[in-house]
C-alpha atoms as a PDB file:
ATOM      1  CA  UNK A   1     169.434 128.609  61.874  1.00  0.00           C
ATOM      2  CA  UNK A   2     167.476 130.949  59.637  1.00  0.00           C
ATOM      3  CA  UNK A   3     170.782 132.257  58.292  1.00  0.00           C
ATOM      4  CA  UNK A   4     171.796 128.723  57.376  1.00  0.00           C
ATOM      5  CA  UNK A   5     168.477 128.186  55.600  1.00  0.00           C
ATOM      6  CA  UNK A   6     168.930 131.449  53.710  1.00  0.00           C
ATOM      7  CA  UNK A   7     172.405 130.423  52.559  1.00  0.00           C
ATOM      8  CA  UNK A   8     171.222 126.961  51.506  1.00  0.00           C
ATOM      9  CA  UNK A   9     168.419 128.495  49.461  1.00  0.00           C
ATOM     10  CA  UNK A  10     170.879 130.872  47.793  1.00  0.00           C
ATOM     11  CA  UNK A  11     173.033 127.873  46.891  1.00  0.00           C
ATOM     12  CA  UNK A  12     169.985 125.974  45.626  1.00  0.00           C
ATOM     13  CA  UNK A  13     168.899 128.852  43.393  1.00  0.00           C
ATOM     14  CA  UNK A  14     172.331 129.416  41.876  1.00  0.00           C
ATOM     15  CA  UNK A  15     172.915 132.784  43.567  1.00  0.00           C
ATOM     16  CA  UNK A  16     175.878 131.651  45.692  1.00  0.00           C
ATOM     17  CA  UNK A  17     177.288 128.878  43.495  1.00  0.00           C
ATOM     18  CA  UNK A  18     176.773 127.489  40.006  1.00  0.00           C
ATOM     19  CA  UNK A  19     173.896 125.089  39.427  1.00  0.00           C
ATOM     20  CA  UNK A  20     174.831 121.434  39.669  1.00  0.00           C
ATOM     21  CA  UNK A  21     175.417 118.857  42.394  1.00  0.00           C
ATOM     22  CA  UNK A  22     175.992 121.486  45.079  1.00  0.00           C
ATOM     23  CA  UNK A  23     172.680 123.183  44.297  1.00  0.00           C
ATOM     24  CA  UNK A  24     170.877 119.842  44.311  1.00  0.00           C
ATOM     25  CA  UNK A  25     172.344 118.937  47.700  1.00  0.00           C
ATOM     26  CA  UNK A  26     171.472 122.388  49.056  1.00  0.00           C
ATOM     27  CA  UNK A  27     167.823 121.882  48.024  1.00  0.00           C
ATOM     28  CA  UNK A  28     167.670 118.606  49.931  1.00  0.00           C
ATOM     29  CA  UNK A  29     169.282 120.122  53.026  1.00  0.00           C
ATOM     30  CA  UNK A  30     167.035 123.202  52.892  1.00  0.00           C
ATOM     31  CA  UNK A  31     163.929 121.027  52.768  1.00  0.00           C
ATOM     32  CA  UNK A  32     165.173 119.018  55.765  1.00  0.00           C
ATOM     33  CA  UNK A  33     165.862 122.204  57.678  1.00  0.00           C
ATOM     34  CA  UNK A  34     162.423 123.620  56.842  1.00  0.00           C
ATOM     35  CA  UNK A  35     160.834 120.671  58.646  1.00  0.00           C
ATOM     36  CA  UNK A  36     162.489 121.420  61.987  1.00  0.00           C
ATOM     37  CA  UNK A  37     160.367 123.009  64.709  1.00  0.00           C
ATOM     38  CA  UNK A  38     163.062 125.605  65.472  1.00  0.00           C
ATOM     39  CA  UNK A  39     162.967 127.014  61.932  1.00  0.00           C
ATOM     40  CA  UNK A  40     159.184 127.040  61.838  1.00  0.00           C
ATOM     41  CA  UNK A  41     159.057 128.900  65.134  1.00  0.00           C
ATOM     42  CA  UNK A  42     161.723 131.405  64.099  1.00  0.00           C
ATOM     43  CA  UNK A  43     159.951 132.118  60.801  1.00  0.00           C
ATOM     44  CA  UNK A  44     156.579 132.515  62.481  1.00  0.00           C
ATOM     45  CA  UNK A  45     158.043 135.212  64.720  1.00  0.00           C
ATOM     46  CA  UNK A  46     159.565 137.158  61.832  1.00  0.00           C
ATOM     47  CA  UNK A  47     157.174 138.112  59.001  1.00  0.00           C
ATOM     48  CA  UNK A  48     159.982 139.851  57.079  1.00  0.00           C
ATOM     49  CA  UNK A  49     162.160 136.763  57.340  1.00  0.00           C
ATOM     50  CA  UNK A  50     159.317 134.589  56.138  1.00  0.00           C
ATOM     51  CA  UNK A  51     158.809 136.784  53.066  1.00  0.00           C
ATOM     52  CA  UNK A  52     162.537 136.628  52.274  1.00  0.00           C
ATOM     53  CA  UNK A  53     162.605 132.833  52.672  1.00  0.00           C
ATOM     54  CA  UNK A  54     159.457 132.448  50.560  1.00  0.00           C
ATOM     55  CA  UNK A  55     161.045 134.502  47.787  1.00  0.00           C
ATOM     56  CA  UNK A  56     164.237 132.421  47.879  1.00  0.00           C
ATOM     57  CA  UNK A  57     162.206 129.214  47.835  1.00  0.00           C
ATOM     58  CA  UNK A  58     160.383 130.361  44.700  1.00  0.00           C
ATOM     59  CA  UNK A  59     163.676 131.264  43.046  1.00  0.00           C
ATOM     60  CA  UNK A  60     165.097 127.845  43.911  1.00  0.00           C
ATOM     61  CA  UNK A  61     162.000 126.146  42.523  1.00  0.00           C
ATOM     62  CA  UNK A  62     160.895 124.751  45.870  1.00  0.00           C
ATOM     63  CA  UNK A  63     157.582 126.646  46.153  1.00  0.00           C
ATOM     64  CA  UNK A  64     154.818 127.655  43.802  1.00  0.00           C
END
């Protein structure tokens, strides 16, 4: 699931596809996925993964 979140964030930030409707939809889906307990647990167990996700979220404009 973390891999899916990573890919969605890359789409949302324009790294895997051009900005537009696909990026907007990817942002929505990434935010939904971030709310699931499985993702939260997986990220809490992997500090490196959390740093990577945090960086992608900042690039996508989803975190300060």
